[in-house]
Amino acid sequence: MKPDFVTHFREGLAHFNNAEFWEAHESWEALWLVAESDVEQFLQGLIQIAAAYHHVKRGTLRGAPRLFEAGLRRLEPFPPNFCGVDRSEVEAAARRDRERVELVVDFPRLIEIEIAPPSDDW
């Protein structure tokens, strides 16, 4: 039996808006697994963005930029108001936060630089 689209979709939105990204992912995935139209790609885009934020929330940043980018690519072909959702804000936030995460991910490389200790006669 297929899950009720509206119920699961709205549950996913509520979870996402409450920063419950894993739960949003799960609500949308239940729909994605049985989707039979282009809505599958739209749902997968939302799922990937939710997964990116889940990684950010947990502090596991490495995979987040790739997930943000993949989600944005999947949402791009859809009209701005698809499934009754204005996706412009989530896309703008995902782009902004992808850049922020990329900066944080690259930052540890800077602290790998070693400063030689002073000589004994210093």
C-alpha atoms as a PDB file:
ATOM      1  CA  MET A   1       0.000   0.000   0.000  1.00  0.00           C
ATOM      2  CA  LYS A   2       1.346   3.391  -0.999  1.00  0.00           C
ATOM      3  CA  PRO A   3       1.806   6.005   1.705  1.00  0.00           C
ATOM      4  CA  ASP A   4      -0.432   9.065   1.534  1.00  0.00           C
ATOM      5  CA  PHE A   5       1.561  11.625  -0.430  1.00  0.00           C
ATOM      6  CA  VAL A   6       0.187  14.778   1.184  1.00  0.00           C
ATOM      7  CA  THR A   7       0.571  13.433   4.723  1.00  0.00           C
ATOM      8  CA  HIS A   8       4.168  12.256   4.277  1.00  0.00           C
ATOM      9  CA  PHE A   9       5.158  15.301   2.248  1.00  0.00           C
ATOM     10  CA  ARG A  10       3.827  17.688   4.899  1.00  0.00           C
ATOM     11  CA  GLU A  11       5.416  15.622   7.671  1.00  0.00           C
ATOM     12  CA  GLY A  12       8.737  15.954   5.857  1.00  0.00           C
ATOM     13  CA  LEU A  13       8.303  19.721   5.595  1.00  0.00           C
ATOM     14  CA  ALA A  14       7.434  20.004   9.294  1.00  0.00           C
ATOM     15  CA  HIS A  15      10.463  17.925  10.275  1.00  0.00           C
ATOM     16  CA  PHE A  16      12.735  19.932   7.976  1.00  0.00           C
ATOM     17  CA  ASN A  17      11.456  23.242   9.372  1.00  0.00           C
ATOM     18  CA  ASN A  18      12.120  21.961  12.909  1.00  0.00           C
ATOM     19  CA  ALA A  19      15.717  21.033  11.966  1.00  0.00           C
ATOM     20  CA  GLU A  20      14.786  17.337  12.262  1.00  0.00           C
ATOM     21  CA  PHE A  21      16.596  16.548   9.049  1.00  0.00           C
ATOM     22  CA  TRP A  22      16.871  12.791   9.429  1.00  0.00           C
ATOM     23  CA  GLU A  23      13.131  12.555  10.071  1.00  0.00           C
ATOM     24  CA  ALA A  24      12.420  14.771   7.028  1.00  0.00           C
ATOM     25  CA  HIS A  25      14.632  12.475   4.973  1.00  0.00           C
ATOM     26  CA  GLU A  26      12.686   9.436   6.206  1.00  0.00           C
ATOM     27  CA  SER A  27       9.252  10.971   5.514  1.00  0.00           C
ATOM     28  CA  TRP A  28      10.215  11.919   1.968  1.00  0.00           C
ATOM     29  CA  GLU A  29      12.020   8.646   1.337  1.00  0.00           C
ATOM     30  CA  ALA A  30       8.810   6.717   2.025  1.00  0.00           C
ATOM     31  CA  LEU A  31       7.280   8.626  -0.900  1.00  0.00           C
ATOM     32  CA  TRP A  32      10.366   8.473  -3.088  1.00  0.00           C
ATOM     33  CA  LEU A  33      10.521   4.669  -2.898  1.00  0.00           C
ATOM     34  CA  VAL A  34       7.100   4.350  -4.553  1.00  0.00           C
ATOM     35  CA  ALA A  35       7.142   7.467  -6.763  1.00  0.00           C
ATOM     36  CA  GLU A  36       6.292   6.809 -10.398  1.00  0.00           C
ATOM     37  CA  SER A  37       6.764  10.188 -12.051  1.00  0.00           C
ATOM     38  CA  ASP A  38       9.180  13.092 -12.155  1.00  0.00           C
ATOM     39  CA  VAL A  39       8.196  13.795  -8.551  1.00  0.00           C
ATOM     40  CA  GLU A  40      10.778  11.110  -7.735  1.00  0.00           C
ATOM     41  CA  GLN A  41      13.587  13.490  -8.764  1.00  0.00           C
ATOM     42  CA  PHE A  42      12.046  16.361  -6.816  1.00  0.00           C
ATOM     43  CA  LEU A  43      11.777  14.222  -3.688  1.00  0.00           C
ATOM     44  CA  GLN A  44      15.323  12.958  -4.119  1.00  0.00           C
ATOM     45  CA  GLY A  45      16.539  16.560  -4.291  1.00  0.00           C
ATOM     46  CA  LEU A  46      14.795  17.399  -1.030  1.00  0.00           C
ATOM     47  CA  ILE A  47      16.099  14.175   0.543  1.00  0.00           C
ATOM     48  CA  GLN A  48      19.675  15.021  -0.452  1.00  0.00           C
ATOM     49  CA  ILE A  49      19.426  18.535   0.954  1.00  0.00           C
ATOM     50  CA  ALA A  50      17.939  17.166   4.186  1.00  0.00           C
ATOM     51  CA  ALA A  51      20.782  14.627   4.343  1.00  0.00           C
ATOM     52  CA  ALA A  52      23.329  17.416   3.840  1.00  0.00           C
ATOM     53  CA  TYR A  53      21.854  19.361   6.742  1.00  0.00           C
ATOM     54  CA  HIS A  54      21.775  16.190   8.831  1.00  0.00           C
ATOM     55  CA  HIS A  55      25.532  15.817   8.261  1.00  0.00           C
ATOM     56  CA  VAL A  56      26.099  19.469   9.158  1.00  0.00           C
ATOM     57  CA  LYS A  57      24.024  19.110  12.325  1.00  0.00           C
ATOM     58  CA  ARG A  58      26.060  16.045  13.370  1.00  0.00           C
ATOM     59  CA  GLY A  59      29.363  17.728  12.530  1.00  0.00           C
ATOM     60  CA  THR A  60      30.247  15.235   9.788  1.00  0.00           C
ATOM     61  CA  LEU A  61      30.868  17.887   7.174  1.00  0.00           C
ATOM     62  CA  ARG A  62      32.824  16.049   4.491  1.00  0.00           C
ATOM     63  CA  GLY A  63      29.865  14.699   2.518  1.00  0.00           C
ATOM     64  CA  ALA A  64      27.604  17.711   2.993  1.00  0.00           C
ATOM     65  CA  PRO A  65      28.818  19.871   0.055  1.00  0.00           C
ATOM     66  CA  ARG A  66      28.349  16.977  -2.375  1.00  0.00           C
ATOM     67  CA  LEU A  67      24.835  16.311  -1.046  1.00  0.00           C
ATOM     68  CA  PHE A  68      23.903  20.005  -1.234  1.00  0.00           C
ATOM     69  CA  GLU A  69      25.119  20.122  -4.836  1.00  0.00           C
ATOM     70  CA  ALA A  70      23.342  16.899  -5.851  1.00  0.00           C
ATOM     71  CA  GLY A  71      20.090  18.071  -4.266  1.00  0.00           C
ATOM     72  CA  LEU A  72      20.269  21.448  -5.976  1.00  0.00           C
ATOM     73  CA  ARG A  73      20.892  19.786  -9.348  1.00  0.00           C
ATOM     74  CA  ARG A  74      17.831  17.568  -8.909  1.00  0.00           C
ATOM     75  CA  LEU A  75      15.555  20.487  -7.933  1.00  0.00           C
ATOM     76  CA  GLU A  76      16.741  22.795 -10.722  1.00  0.00           C
ATOM     77  CA  PRO A  77      14.483  21.490 -13.544  1.00  0.00           C
ATOM     78  CA  PHE A  78      11.295  21.978 -11.536  1.00  0.00           C
ATOM     79  CA  PRO A  79       9.162  25.113 -11.494  1.00  0.00           C
ATOM     80  CA  PRO A  80       9.744  27.437  -8.513  1.00  0.00           C
ATOM     81  CA  ASN A  81       6.418  26.382  -6.949  1.00  0.00           C
ATOM     82  CA  PHE A  82       6.352  22.616  -7.322  1.00  0.00           C
ATOM     83  CA  CYS A  83       4.134  20.478  -5.077  1.00  0.00           C
ATOM     84  CA  GLY A  84       2.884  23.726  -3.559  1.00  0.00           C
ATOM     85  CA  VAL A  85       6.315  24.575  -2.181  1.00  0.00           C
ATOM     86  CA  ASP A  86       8.279  27.728  -2.978  1.00  0.00           C
ATOM     87  CA  ARG A  87      11.705  26.145  -3.164  1.00  0.00           C
ATOM     88  CA  SER A  88      13.628  29.393  -3.724  1.00  0.00           C
ATOM     89  CA  GLU A  89      14.410  29.868  -0.023  1.00  0.00           C
ATOM     90  CA  VAL A  90      15.664  26.325   0.531  1.00  0.00           C
ATOM     91  CA  GLU A  91      17.788  26.552  -2.616  1.00  0.00           C
ATOM     92  CA  ALA A  92      19.294  29.898  -1.570  1.00  0.00           C
ATOM     93  CA  ALA A  93      20.022  28.526   1.915  1.00  0.00           C
ATOM     94  CA  ALA A  94      21.526  25.308   0.501  1.00  0.00           C
ATOM     95  CA  ARG A  95      23.843  27.291  -1.797  1.00  0.00           C
ATOM     96  CA  ARG A  96      24.893  29.588   1.046  1.00  0.00           C
ATOM     97  CA  ASP A  97      25.404  26.740   3.493  1.00  0.00           C
ATOM     98  CA  ARG A  98      27.271  24.617   0.956  1.00  0.00           C
ATOM     99  CA  GLU A  99      29.804  27.428   0.636  1.00  0.00           C
ATOM    100  CA  ARG A 100      30.043  27.799   4.416  1.00  0.00           C
ATOM    101  CA  VAL A 101      30.615  24.078   4.881  1.00  0.00           C
ATOM    102  CA  GLU A 102      33.244  24.005   2.140  1.00  0.00           C
ATOM    103  CA  LEU A 103      35.165  26.712   3.997  1.00  0.00           C
ATOM    104  CA  VAL A 104      34.971  24.772   7.257  1.00  0.00           C
ATOM    105  CA  VAL A 105      35.976  21.508   5.589  1.00  0.00           C
ATOM    106  CA  ASP A 106      39.038  23.168   4.067  1.00  0.00           C
ATOM    107  CA  PHE A 107      39.999  25.016   7.242  1.00  0.00           C
ATOM    108  CA  PRO A 108      41.666  22.075   9.040  1.00  0.00           C
ATOM    109  CA  ARG A 109      44.227  21.938   6.248  1.00  0.00           C
ATOM    110  CA  LEU A 110      45.485  25.311   7.426  1.00  0.00           C
ATOM    111  CA  ILE A 111      46.222  24.072  10.922  1.00  0.00           C
ATOM    112  CA  GLU A 112      48.316  21.216   9.570  1.00  0.00           C
ATOM    113  CA  ILE A 113      51.094  23.727   8.942  1.00  0.00           C
ATOM    114  CA  GLU A 114      53.917  23.232  11.394  1.00  0.00           C
ATOM    115  CA  ILE A 115      55.988  25.979  12.942  1.00  0.00           C
ATOM    116  CA  ALA A 116      59.496  24.881  13.727  1.00  0.00           C
ATOM    117  CA  PRO A 117      60.381  25.264  17.397  1.00  0.00           C
ATOM    118  CA  PRO A 118      63.087  27.757  18.296  1.00  0.00           C
ATOM    119  CA  SER A 119      66.650  26.523  18.523  1.00  0.00           C
ATOM    120  CA  ASP A 120      68.076  25.537  21.923  1.00  0.00           C
ATOM    121  CA  ASP A 121      70.083  28.749  22.210  1.00  0.00           C
ATOM    122  CA  TRP A 122      67.066  31.012  21.757  1.00  0.00           C
END
